[in-house]
Amino acid sequence: MTNTIDAALLKKIFLSGANNISNNKEYINELNVFPVPDGDTGTNMTLTIMTAAGEVSNLDKPTMASLAKAISGGSLRGARGNSGVILSQLFRGFCKDISDKEVLYVLDLASAFSRAVDTAYKAVMKPKEGTILTVARGIADKAAECADKDMELMSFAEAVLTYGEEVLDNTPNLLPVLKEAGV
């Protein structure tokens, strides 16, 4: 197993994540009840991330700096709706933190997650708990808590994602409109 992520691997991870959002956009749309139930969160997140994915796909031999620029710039240019803007700001903060690295260790990921959350919260005029921001903060907090410079990457990812799912499961308790809608 590996303890690092280089730019080529991060490119693959990002494109896989973009495709996952795109493949699940209708499911995400069904969850959209806040701030209004307009059913466009999945569509907006897909438009946002797929614009960045297009730019990332064009990188033949990415460096962390060129990849960070493509993800951050592409997601900002493609940002649609509140969810797209928040997603682009998460990427912006993450990318600012990784752009000067050659490879990423779990400590780098934890730092980048933290910066991503700080950037996104600052971009939202009135952050509301129970939203994507809450889940992102939970992930960043767990990443900071369990990151160890020698930690194996998969163990780190599993711990962070498992906790992220726990935070997500709790969001209806933080935002009553979610509980009322049964999402």
N, C-alpha and C. Protein backbone atom coordinates (compact mmCIF):
# COMPACT_ATOMS: atom_id res chain seq x y z
N MET A 1 0.83 -1.19 0.00
CA MET A 1 0.00 0.00 0.00
C MET A 1 0.87 1.25 0.00
N THR A 2 0.25 2.33 -0.35
CA THR A 2 0.99 3.58 -0.50
C THR A 2 0.66 4.57 0.62
N ASN A 3 1.59 5.44 0.86
CA ASN A 3 1.39 6.50 1.84
C ASN A 3 1.29 7.87 1.18
N THR A 4 1.39 7.92 -0.15
CA THR A 4 1.37 9.21 -0.83
C THR A 4 0.46 9.18 -2.05
N ILE A 5 0.06 10.37 -2.44
CA ILE A 5 -0.71 10.59 -3.67
C ILE A 5 0.09 11.57 -4.51
N ASP A 6 0.45 11.17 -5.73
CA ASP A 6 1.12 12.10 -6.64
C ASP A 6 0.05 12.73 -7.55
N ALA A 7 0.48 13.65 -8.41
CA ALA A 7 -0.47 14.38 -9.25
C ALA A 7 -1.23 13.45 -10.20
N ALA A 8 -0.55 12.44 -10.74
CA ALA A 8 -1.23 11.51 -11.66
C ALA A 8 -2.33 10.75 -10.94
N LEU A 9 -2.07 10.31 -9.72
CA LEU A 9 -3.09 9.59 -8.95
C LEU A 9 -4.22 10.53 -8.53
N LEU A 10 -3.88 11.74 -8.11
CA LEU A 10 -4.91 12.69 -7.72
C LEU A 10 -5.81 13.02 -8.91
N LYS A 11 -5.25 13.10 -10.09
CA LYS A 11 -6.04 13.33 -11.30
C LYS A 11 -7.07 12.21 -11.46
N LYS A 12 -6.63 10.96 -11.32
CA LYS A 12 -7.54 9.82 -11.44
C LYS A 12 -8.63 9.86 -10.36
N ILE A 13 -8.22 10.17 -9.14
CA ILE A 13 -9.17 10.26 -8.02
C ILE A 13 -10.21 11.34 -8.29
N PHE A 14 -9.75 12.50 -8.73
CA PHE A 14 -10.66 13.61 -8.99
C PHE A 14 -11.65 13.25 -10.10
N LEU A 15 -11.16 12.69 -11.20
CA LEU A 15 -12.04 12.35 -12.31
C LEU A 15 -13.04 11.27 -11.92
N SER A 16 -12.62 10.33 -11.11
CA SER A 16 -13.53 9.31 -10.61
C SER A 16 -14.62 9.93 -9.74
N GLY A 17 -14.22 10.84 -8.86
CA GLY A 17 -15.20 11.54 -8.01
C GLY A 17 -16.17 12.38 -8.83
N ALA A 18 -15.66 13.04 -9.85
CA ALA A 18 -16.52 13.84 -10.73
C ALA A 18 -17.55 12.96 -11.41
N ASN A 19 -17.11 11.82 -11.92
CA ASN A 19 -18.04 10.89 -12.57
C ASN A 19 -19.06 10.35 -11.58
N ASN A 20 -18.64 10.12 -10.34
CA ASN A 20 -19.56 9.63 -9.32
C ASN A 20 -20.66 10.66 -9.04
N ILE A 21 -20.28 11.91 -8.94
CA ILE A 21 -21.30 12.96 -8.74
C ILE A 21 -22.23 13.01 -9.94
N SER A 22 -21.67 13.00 -11.13
CA SER A 22 -22.48 13.05 -12.34
C SER A 22 -23.44 11.86 -12.42
N ASN A 23 -22.95 10.68 -12.10
CA ASN A 23 -23.79 9.48 -12.16
C ASN A 23 -24.90 9.48 -11.12
N ASN A 24 -24.74 10.26 -10.06
CA ASN A 24 -25.73 10.29 -8.98
C ASN A 24 -26.47 11.61 -8.87
N LYS A 25 -26.41 12.42 -9.93
CA LYS A 25 -27.00 13.76 -9.82
C LYS A 25 -28.51 13.73 -9.55
N GLU A 26 -29.24 12.77 -10.11
CA GLU A 26 -30.68 12.73 -9.86
C GLU A 26 -30.98 12.37 -8.41
N TYR A 27 -30.20 11.45 -7.85
CA TYR A 27 -30.36 11.10 -6.43
C TYR A 27 -30.08 12.33 -5.57
N ILE A 28 -29.02 13.06 -5.89
CA ILE A 28 -28.69 14.28 -5.14
C ILE A 28 -29.80 15.31 -5.30
N ASN A 29 -30.34 15.43 -6.51
CA ASN A 29 -31.46 16.36 -6.73
C ASN A 29 -32.64 16.05 -5.81
N GLU A 30 -32.91 14.77 -5.58
CA GLU A 30 -34.03 14.37 -4.73
C GLU A 30 -33.82 14.77 -3.27
N LEU A 31 -32.57 14.91 -2.87
CA LEU A 31 -32.27 15.30 -1.49
C LEU A 31 -32.39 16.79 -1.27
N ASN A 32 -32.49 17.55 -2.33
CA ASN A 32 -32.44 19.01 -2.28
C ASN A 32 -33.74 19.61 -1.73
N VAL A 33 -33.70 19.98 -0.45
CA VAL A 33 -34.85 20.64 0.17
C VAL A 33 -34.48 21.96 0.84
N PHE A 34 -33.19 22.28 0.88
CA PHE A 34 -32.73 23.50 1.55
C PHE A 34 -31.73 24.22 0.66
N PRO A 35 -31.79 25.53 0.53
CA PRO A 35 -32.70 26.44 1.20
C PRO A 35 -34.11 26.44 0.60
N VAL A 36 -34.25 25.96 -0.64
CA VAL A 36 -35.58 25.76 -1.23
C VAL A 36 -35.58 24.42 -1.95
N PRO A 37 -36.73 23.75 -1.99
CA PRO A 37 -36.80 22.43 -2.63
C PRO A 37 -36.93 22.54 -4.15
N ASP A 38 -35.88 23.03 -4.80
CA ASP A 38 -35.93 23.23 -6.25
C ASP A 38 -35.28 22.09 -7.04
N GLY A 39 -34.77 21.09 -6.34
CA GLY A 39 -34.30 19.88 -6.98
C GLY A 39 -33.16 20.04 -7.97
N ASP A 40 -32.28 21.01 -7.72
CA ASP A 40 -31.21 21.24 -8.69
C ASP A 40 -29.79 21.10 -8.12
N THR A 41 -29.67 20.65 -6.89
CA THR A 41 -28.35 20.54 -6.27
C THR A 41 -27.44 19.59 -7.03
N GLY A 42 -27.94 18.41 -7.37
CA GLY A 42 -27.14 17.45 -8.12
C GLY A 42 -26.73 17.98 -9.48
N THR A 43 -27.66 18.63 -10.15
CA THR A 43 -27.37 19.21 -11.46
C THR A 43 -26.32 20.30 -11.33
N ASN A 44 -26.47 21.18 -10.35
CA ASN A 44 -25.51 22.27 -10.17
C ASN A 44 -24.13 21.76 -9.77
N MET A 45 -24.09 20.76 -8.90
CA MET A 45 -22.79 20.20 -8.51
C MET A 45 -22.14 19.50 -9.70
N THR A 46 -22.95 18.83 -10.51
CA THR A 46 -22.42 18.15 -11.69
C THR A 46 -21.86 19.15 -12.69
N LEU A 47 -22.59 20.22 -12.97
CA LEU A 47 -22.09 21.23 -13.90
C LEU A 47 -20.79 21.84 -13.39
N THR A 48 -20.72 22.05 -12.10
CA THR A 48 -19.53 22.63 -11.49
C THR A 48 -18.32 21.70 -11.62
N ILE A 49 -18.49 20.48 -11.18
CA ILE A 49 -17.34 19.57 -11.16
C ILE A 49 -16.96 19.08 -12.55
N MET A 50 -17.94 18.96 -13.45
CA MET A 50 -17.60 18.47 -14.79
C MET A 50 -16.86 19.54 -15.60
N THR A 51 -17.08 20.80 -15.30
CA THR A 51 -16.28 21.85 -15.94
C THR A 51 -14.82 21.69 -15.52
N ALA A 52 -14.61 21.47 -14.23
CA ALA A 52 -13.25 21.24 -13.74
C ALA A 52 -12.69 19.94 -14.31
N ALA A 53 -13.50 18.91 -14.39
CA ALA A 53 -13.04 17.62 -14.92
C ALA A 53 -12.59 17.76 -16.36
N GLY A 54 -13.26 18.59 -17.12
CA GLY A 54 -12.83 18.83 -18.50
C GLY A 54 -11.44 19.42 -18.55
N GLU A 55 -11.17 20.36 -17.68
CA GLU A 55 -9.84 20.97 -17.64
C GLU A 55 -8.79 19.99 -17.13
N VAL A 56 -9.15 19.19 -16.14
CA VAL A 56 -8.24 18.20 -15.60
C VAL A 56 -7.91 17.14 -16.66
N SER A 57 -8.91 16.72 -17.40
CA SER A 57 -8.71 15.71 -18.45
C SER A 57 -7.71 16.16 -19.51
N ASN A 58 -7.62 17.44 -19.73
CA ASN A 58 -6.70 17.98 -20.74
C ASN A 58 -5.25 18.00 -20.29
N LEU A 59 -4.97 17.68 -19.05
CA LEU A 59 -3.59 17.67 -18.54
C LEU A 59 -2.96 16.31 -18.83
N ASP A 60 -1.96 16.30 -19.71
CA ASP A 60 -1.29 15.04 -20.04
C ASP A 60 -0.37 14.55 -18.93
N LYS A 61 0.48 15.41 -18.46
CA LYS A 61 1.42 15.06 -17.40
C LYS A 61 1.28 16.11 -16.29
N PRO A 62 0.25 15.94 -15.47
CA PRO A 62 -0.02 16.97 -14.47
C PRO A 62 1.04 17.04 -13.38
N THR A 63 1.27 18.26 -12.94
CA THR A 63 1.99 18.48 -11.69
C THR A 63 0.93 18.84 -10.67
N MET A 64 1.28 18.85 -9.42
CA MET A 64 0.29 19.23 -8.41
C MET A 64 -0.17 20.67 -8.67
N ALA A 65 0.74 21.55 -9.08
CA ALA A 65 0.38 22.94 -9.34
C ALA A 65 -0.58 23.06 -10.53
N SER A 66 -0.31 22.36 -11.63
CA SER A 66 -1.19 22.46 -12.79
C SER A 66 -2.54 21.81 -12.51
N LEU A 67 -2.54 20.73 -11.74
CA LEU A 67 -3.78 20.06 -11.38
C LEU A 67 -4.62 20.95 -10.46
N ALA A 68 -3.97 21.55 -9.47
CA ALA A 68 -4.68 22.45 -8.55
C ALA A 68 -5.29 23.62 -9.31
N LYS A 69 -4.55 24.17 -10.27
CA LYS A 69 -5.06 25.28 -11.06
C LYS A 69 -6.27 24.85 -11.90
N ALA A 70 -6.21 23.67 -12.50
CA ALA A 70 -7.32 23.18 -13.32
C ALA A 70 -8.56 22.91 -12.48
N ILE A 71 -8.38 22.28 -11.33
CA ILE A 71 -9.52 21.97 -10.46
C ILE A 71 -10.14 23.25 -9.92
N SER A 72 -9.30 24.12 -9.36
CA SER A 72 -9.81 25.35 -8.75
C SER A 72 -10.44 26.27 -9.79
N GLY A 73 -9.71 26.53 -10.87
CA GLY A 73 -10.23 27.43 -11.90
C GLY A 73 -11.44 26.87 -12.62
N GLY A 74 -11.39 25.58 -12.95
CA GLY A 74 -12.51 24.95 -13.65
C GLY A 74 -13.77 24.93 -12.82
N SER A 75 -13.63 24.61 -11.54
CA SER A 75 -14.82 24.55 -10.69
C SER A 75 -15.39 25.95 -10.45
N LEU A 76 -14.54 26.95 -10.36
CA LEU A 76 -15.03 28.31 -10.20
C LEU A 76 -15.77 28.77 -11.45
N ARG A 77 -15.20 28.50 -12.62
CA ARG A 77 -15.86 28.90 -13.87
C ARG A 77 -17.16 28.13 -14.09
N GLY A 78 -17.22 26.89 -13.61
CA GLY A 78 -18.41 26.08 -13.82
C GLY A 78 -19.43 26.17 -12.71
N ALA A 79 -19.14 26.93 -11.66
CA ALA A 79 -20.02 26.97 -10.48
C ALA A 79 -21.42 27.43 -10.84
N ARG A 80 -22.40 26.63 -10.40
CA ARG A 80 -23.81 26.95 -10.62
C ARG A 80 -24.54 26.78 -9.30
N GLY A 81 -25.39 27.73 -8.98
CA GLY A 81 -26.20 27.64 -7.77
C GLY A 81 -25.37 27.65 -6.49
N ASN A 82 -26.08 27.63 -5.36
CA ASN A 82 -25.40 27.64 -4.06
C ASN A 82 -24.48 26.44 -3.90
N SER A 83 -24.98 25.27 -4.26
CA SER A 83 -24.18 24.06 -4.05
C SER A 83 -22.93 24.06 -4.92
N GLY A 84 -23.02 24.56 -6.14
CA GLY A 84 -21.86 24.65 -7.01
C GLY A 84 -20.83 25.64 -6.51
N VAL A 85 -21.31 26.76 -6.00
CA VAL A 85 -20.39 27.76 -5.45
C VAL A 85 -19.68 27.20 -4.22
N ILE A 86 -20.43 26.54 -3.33
CA ILE A 86 -19.80 25.96 -2.14
C ILE A 86 -18.79 24.89 -2.55
N LEU A 87 -19.15 24.04 -3.49
CA LEU A 87 -18.23 23.02 -3.97
C LEU A 87 -16.96 23.64 -4.55
N SER A 88 -17.14 24.69 -5.35
CA SER A 88 -15.97 25.34 -5.94
C SER A 88 -15.07 25.96 -4.87
N GLN A 89 -15.67 26.46 -3.80
CA GLN A 89 -14.87 27.06 -2.73
C GLN A 89 -14.16 25.98 -1.91
N LEU A 90 -14.78 24.83 -1.75
CA LEU A 90 -14.09 23.71 -1.10
C LEU A 90 -12.86 23.33 -1.92
N PHE A 91 -13.04 23.22 -3.24
CA PHE A 91 -11.91 22.90 -4.11
C PHE A 91 -10.86 24.00 -4.10
N ARG A 92 -11.29 25.24 -4.08
CA ARG A 92 -10.36 26.37 -4.08
C ARG A 92 -9.44 26.31 -2.86
N GLY A 93 -10.02 26.12 -1.69
CA GLY A 93 -9.21 26.04 -0.47
C GLY A 93 -8.30 24.83 -0.48
N PHE A 94 -8.82 23.68 -0.88
CA PHE A 94 -8.02 22.46 -0.95
C PHE A 94 -6.84 22.66 -1.89
N CYS A 95 -7.12 23.21 -3.06
CA CYS A 95 -6.08 23.38 -4.07
C CYS A 95 -5.02 24.39 -3.67
N LYS A 96 -5.40 25.45 -2.96
CA LYS A 96 -4.40 26.41 -2.48
C LYS A 96 -3.41 25.72 -1.55
N ASP A 97 -3.90 24.77 -0.80
CA ASP A 97 -3.05 24.10 0.17
C ASP A 97 -2.13 23.05 -0.45
N ILE A 98 -2.49 22.51 -1.59
CA ILE A 98 -1.68 21.43 -2.18
C ILE A 98 -0.81 21.87 -3.35
N SER A 99 -1.03 23.04 -3.88
CA SER A 99 -0.41 23.43 -5.15
C SER A 99 1.11 23.44 -5.13
N ASP A 100 1.72 23.60 -3.97
CA ASP A 100 3.18 23.65 -3.91
C ASP A 100 3.81 22.32 -3.50
N LYS A 101 3.02 21.26 -3.47
CA LYS A 101 3.53 19.95 -3.06
C LYS A 101 3.87 19.11 -4.29
N GLU A 102 4.78 18.16 -4.10
CA GLU A 102 5.09 17.17 -5.15
C GLU A 102 4.19 15.95 -4.99
N VAL A 103 4.03 15.52 -3.74
CA VAL A 103 3.15 14.41 -3.38
C VAL A 103 2.40 14.81 -2.12
N LEU A 104 1.31 14.12 -1.86
CA LEU A 104 0.50 14.40 -0.68
C LEU A 104 0.56 13.23 0.29
N TYR A 105 0.85 13.55 1.54
CA TYR A 105 0.79 12.59 2.63
C TYR A 105 -0.52 12.86 3.37
N VAL A 106 -0.87 11.98 4.31
CA VAL A 106 -2.12 12.19 5.03
C VAL A 106 -2.12 13.52 5.78
N LEU A 107 -0.98 13.95 6.29
CA LEU A 107 -0.94 15.26 6.97
C LEU A 107 -1.25 16.40 6.00
N ASP A 108 -0.79 16.27 4.74
CA ASP A 108 -1.11 17.27 3.73
C ASP A 108 -2.60 17.28 3.41
N LEU A 109 -3.18 16.09 3.32
CA LEU A 109 -4.62 15.99 3.05
C LEU A 109 -5.42 16.61 4.18
N ALA A 110 -5.02 16.32 5.42
CA ALA A 110 -5.73 16.89 6.56
C ALA A 110 -5.66 18.42 6.54
N SER A 111 -4.50 18.95 6.24
CA SER A 111 -4.33 20.40 6.15
C SER A 111 -5.18 20.98 5.02
N ALA A 112 -5.18 20.31 3.88
CA ALA A 112 -5.95 20.80 2.73
C ALA A 112 -7.46 20.73 3.00
N PHE A 113 -7.91 19.68 3.69
CA PHE A 113 -9.34 19.60 4.05
C PHE A 113 -9.72 20.76 4.96
N SER A 114 -8.85 21.07 5.91
CA SER A 114 -9.11 22.17 6.83
C SER A 114 -9.20 23.50 6.09
N ARG A 115 -8.27 23.74 5.18
CA ARG A 115 -8.29 24.99 4.42
C ARG A 115 -9.51 25.05 3.51
N ALA A 116 -9.90 23.91 2.96
CA ALA A 116 -11.09 23.85 2.12
C ALA A 116 -12.33 24.32 2.89
N VAL A 117 -12.48 23.79 4.10
CA VAL A 117 -13.63 24.14 4.93
C VAL A 117 -13.60 25.61 5.31
N ASP A 118 -12.44 26.10 5.73
CA ASP A 118 -12.32 27.52 6.08
C ASP A 118 -12.71 28.41 4.90
N THR A 119 -12.23 28.06 3.72
CA THR A 119 -12.53 28.85 2.52
C THR A 119 -14.02 28.83 2.22
N ALA A 120 -14.63 27.66 2.28
CA ALA A 120 -16.06 27.55 1.97
C ALA A 120 -16.93 28.28 2.99
N TYR A 121 -16.62 28.12 4.26
CA TYR A 121 -17.42 28.82 5.29
C TYR A 121 -17.34 30.34 5.11
N LYS A 122 -16.16 30.85 4.76
CA LYS A 122 -16.00 32.29 4.56
C LYS A 122 -16.77 32.78 3.33
N ALA A 123 -17.00 31.90 2.37
CA ALA A 123 -17.68 32.29 1.14
C ALA A 123 -19.20 32.34 1.29
N VAL A 124 -19.71 31.75 2.36
CA VAL A 124 -21.17 31.70 2.58
C VAL A 124 -21.52 32.77 3.60
N MET A 125 -22.45 33.65 3.22
CA MET A 125 -22.80 34.77 4.09
C MET A 125 -23.36 34.30 5.43
N LYS A 126 -24.29 33.35 5.41
CA LYS A 126 -24.87 32.83 6.64
C LYS A 126 -24.80 31.31 6.60
N PRO A 127 -23.66 30.72 6.98
CA PRO A 127 -23.54 29.26 6.95
C PRO A 127 -24.60 28.60 7.82
N LYS A 128 -25.17 27.54 7.32
CA LYS A 128 -26.23 26.82 8.03
C LYS A 128 -25.76 25.41 8.32
N GLU A 129 -25.86 25.02 9.58
CA GLU A 129 -25.45 23.66 9.96
C GLU A 129 -26.51 22.66 9.48
N GLY A 130 -26.03 21.48 9.12
CA GLY A 130 -26.91 20.46 8.56
C GLY A 130 -26.77 20.38 7.05
N THR A 131 -25.83 21.14 6.50
CA THR A 131 -25.62 21.21 5.06
C THR A 131 -24.29 20.55 4.69
N ILE A 132 -23.92 20.68 3.43
CA ILE A 132 -22.64 20.17 2.96
C ILE A 132 -21.48 20.76 3.76
N LEU A 133 -21.63 21.97 4.26
CA LEU A 133 -20.58 22.59 5.06
C LEU A 133 -20.34 21.80 6.35
N THR A 134 -21.40 21.34 6.98
CA THR A 134 -21.28 20.57 8.21
C THR A 134 -20.53 19.27 7.95
N VAL A 135 -20.88 18.61 6.87
CA VAL A 135 -20.22 17.34 6.53
C VAL A 135 -18.76 17.59 6.21
N ALA A 136 -18.48 18.62 5.44
CA ALA A 136 -17.09 18.94 5.10
C ALA A 136 -16.27 19.25 6.35
N ARG A 137 -16.86 19.99 7.28
CA ARG A 137 -16.14 20.30 8.52
C ARG A 137 -15.89 19.04 9.34
N GLY A 138 -16.87 18.16 9.39
CA GLY A 138 -16.69 16.90 10.11
C GLY A 138 -15.56 16.08 9.52
N ILE A 139 -15.50 16.03 8.20
CA ILE A 139 -14.42 15.30 7.52
C ILE A 139 -13.07 15.94 7.83
N ALA A 140 -13.01 17.25 7.77
CA ALA A 140 -11.75 17.95 8.06
C ALA A 140 -11.33 17.73 9.51
N ASP A 141 -12.26 17.78 10.43
CA ASP A 141 -11.94 17.56 11.84
C ASP A 141 -11.42 16.15 12.07
N LYS A 142 -12.09 15.17 11.46
CA LYS A 142 -11.65 13.78 11.62
C LYS A 142 -10.29 13.57 10.97
N ALA A 143 -10.06 14.20 9.83
CA ALA A 143 -8.77 14.08 9.16
C ALA A 143 -7.66 14.62 10.05
N ALA A 144 -7.90 15.76 10.67
CA ALA A 144 -6.90 16.36 11.57
C ALA A 144 -6.67 15.48 12.79
N GLU A 145 -7.73 14.90 13.29
CA GLU A 145 -7.65 14.07 14.49
C GLU A 145 -6.86 12.78 14.25
N CYS A 146 -7.05 12.15 13.11
CA CYS A 146 -6.43 10.84 12.93
C CYS A 146 -5.20 10.84 12.05
N ALA A 147 -4.85 11.97 11.47
CA ALA A 147 -3.68 12.02 10.60
C ALA A 147 -2.40 11.83 11.39
N ASP A 148 -1.59 10.96 10.88
CA ASP A 148 -0.28 10.69 11.44
C ASP A 148 0.66 10.58 10.25
N LYS A 149 1.84 11.12 10.38
CA LYS A 149 2.72 11.18 9.21
C LYS A 149 3.04 9.81 8.64
N ASP A 150 2.95 8.77 9.44
CA ASP A 150 3.24 7.43 8.96
C ASP A 150 1.97 6.62 8.67
N MET A 151 0.81 7.24 8.79
CA MET A 151 -0.44 6.52 8.60
C MET A 151 -0.60 6.09 7.15
N GLU A 152 -1.07 4.89 6.96
CA GLU A 152 -1.32 4.36 5.63
C GLU A 152 -2.53 5.10 5.04
N LEU A 153 -2.44 5.45 3.79
CA LEU A 153 -3.44 6.26 3.12
C LEU A 153 -4.84 5.64 3.16
N MET A 154 -4.95 4.35 2.89
CA MET A 154 -6.27 3.72 2.89
C MET A 154 -6.91 3.71 4.27
N SER A 155 -6.13 3.49 5.30
CA SER A 155 -6.66 3.52 6.67
C SER A 155 -7.19 4.91 6.99
N PHE A 156 -6.43 5.91 6.59
CA PHE A 156 -6.84 7.31 6.78
C PHE A 156 -8.14 7.59 6.05
N ALA A 157 -8.20 7.22 4.77
CA ALA A 157 -9.39 7.48 3.95
C ALA A 157 -10.62 6.78 4.52
N GLU A 158 -10.46 5.54 4.93
CA GLU A 158 -11.58 4.79 5.50
C GLU A 158 -12.09 5.45 6.78
N ALA A 159 -11.20 5.87 7.65
CA ALA A 159 -11.61 6.51 8.90
C ALA A 159 -12.33 7.83 8.63
N VAL A 160 -11.79 8.61 7.71
CA VAL A 160 -12.38 9.91 7.41
C VAL A 160 -13.74 9.74 6.74
N LEU A 161 -13.84 8.86 5.78
CA LEU A 161 -15.11 8.65 5.07
C LEU A 161 -16.18 8.06 5.98
N THR A 162 -15.79 7.13 6.84
CA THR A 162 -16.75 6.55 7.78
C THR A 162 -17.32 7.64 8.69
N TYR A 163 -16.45 8.50 9.19
CA TYR A 163 -16.92 9.58 10.05
C TYR A 163 -17.79 10.57 9.25
N GLY A 164 -17.40 10.85 8.02
CA GLY A 164 -18.19 11.73 7.16
C GLY A 164 -19.61 11.20 6.99
N GLU A 165 -19.75 9.89 6.85
CA GLU A 165 -21.08 9.28 6.73
C GLU A 165 -21.88 9.45 8.02
N GLU A 166 -21.19 9.35 9.17
CA GLU A 166 -21.86 9.56 10.46
C GLU A 166 -22.37 11.00 10.57
N VAL A 167 -21.54 11.94 10.17
CA VAL A 167 -21.95 13.35 10.22
C VAL A 167 -23.14 13.56 9.28
N LEU A 168 -23.05 13.01 8.09
CA LEU A 168 -24.15 13.12 7.12
C LEU A 168 -25.45 12.54 7.69
N ASP A 169 -25.36 11.37 8.31
CA ASP A 169 -26.55 10.75 8.90
C ASP A 169 -27.18 11.62 9.98
N ASN A 170 -26.38 12.47 10.62
CA ASN A 170 -26.88 13.33 11.70
C ASN A 170 -27.45 14.66 11.20
N THR A 171 -27.23 15.00 9.92
CA THR A 171 -27.67 16.32 9.45
C THR A 171 -29.17 16.58 9.62
N PRO A 172 -30.07 15.58 9.51
CA PRO A 172 -31.48 15.89 9.76
C PRO A 172 -31.75 16.35 11.18
N ASN A 173 -30.89 16.01 12.12
CA ASN A 173 -31.06 16.48 13.50
C ASN A 173 -30.60 17.92 13.67
N LEU A 174 -29.83 18.41 12.70
CA LEU A 174 -29.31 19.78 12.76
C LEU A 174 -30.15 20.76 11.94
N LEU A 175 -30.85 20.23 10.95
CA LEU A 175 -31.62 21.07 10.05
C LEU A 175 -33.02 20.45 9.92
N PRO A 176 -33.98 20.96 10.71
CA PRO A 176 -35.31 20.34 10.77
C PRO A 176 -35.99 20.13 9.42
N VAL A 177 -35.73 20.99 8.43
CA VAL A 177 -36.37 20.81 7.14
C VAL A 177 -35.97 19.48 6.50
N LEU A 178 -34.76 19.00 6.79
CA LEU A 178 -34.34 17.70 6.27
C LEU A 178 -35.14 16.58 6.91
N LYS A 179 -35.30 16.69 8.21
CA LYS A 179 -36.06 15.65 8.93
C LYS A 179 -37.51 15.64 8.47
N GLU A 180 -38.11 16.83 8.30
CA GLU A 180 -39.49 16.92 7.85
C GLU A 180 -39.68 16.32 6.45
N ALA A 181 -38.67 16.48 5.61
CA ALA A 181 -38.75 15.97 4.24
C ALA A 181 -38.33 14.50 4.15
N GLY A 182 -37.79 13.97 5.23
CA GLY A 182 -37.37 12.57 5.24
C GLY A 182 -36.11 12.29 4.45
N VAL A 183 -35.21 13.28 4.38
CA VAL A 183 -33.95 13.06 3.67
C VAL A 183 -32.78 13.06 4.66
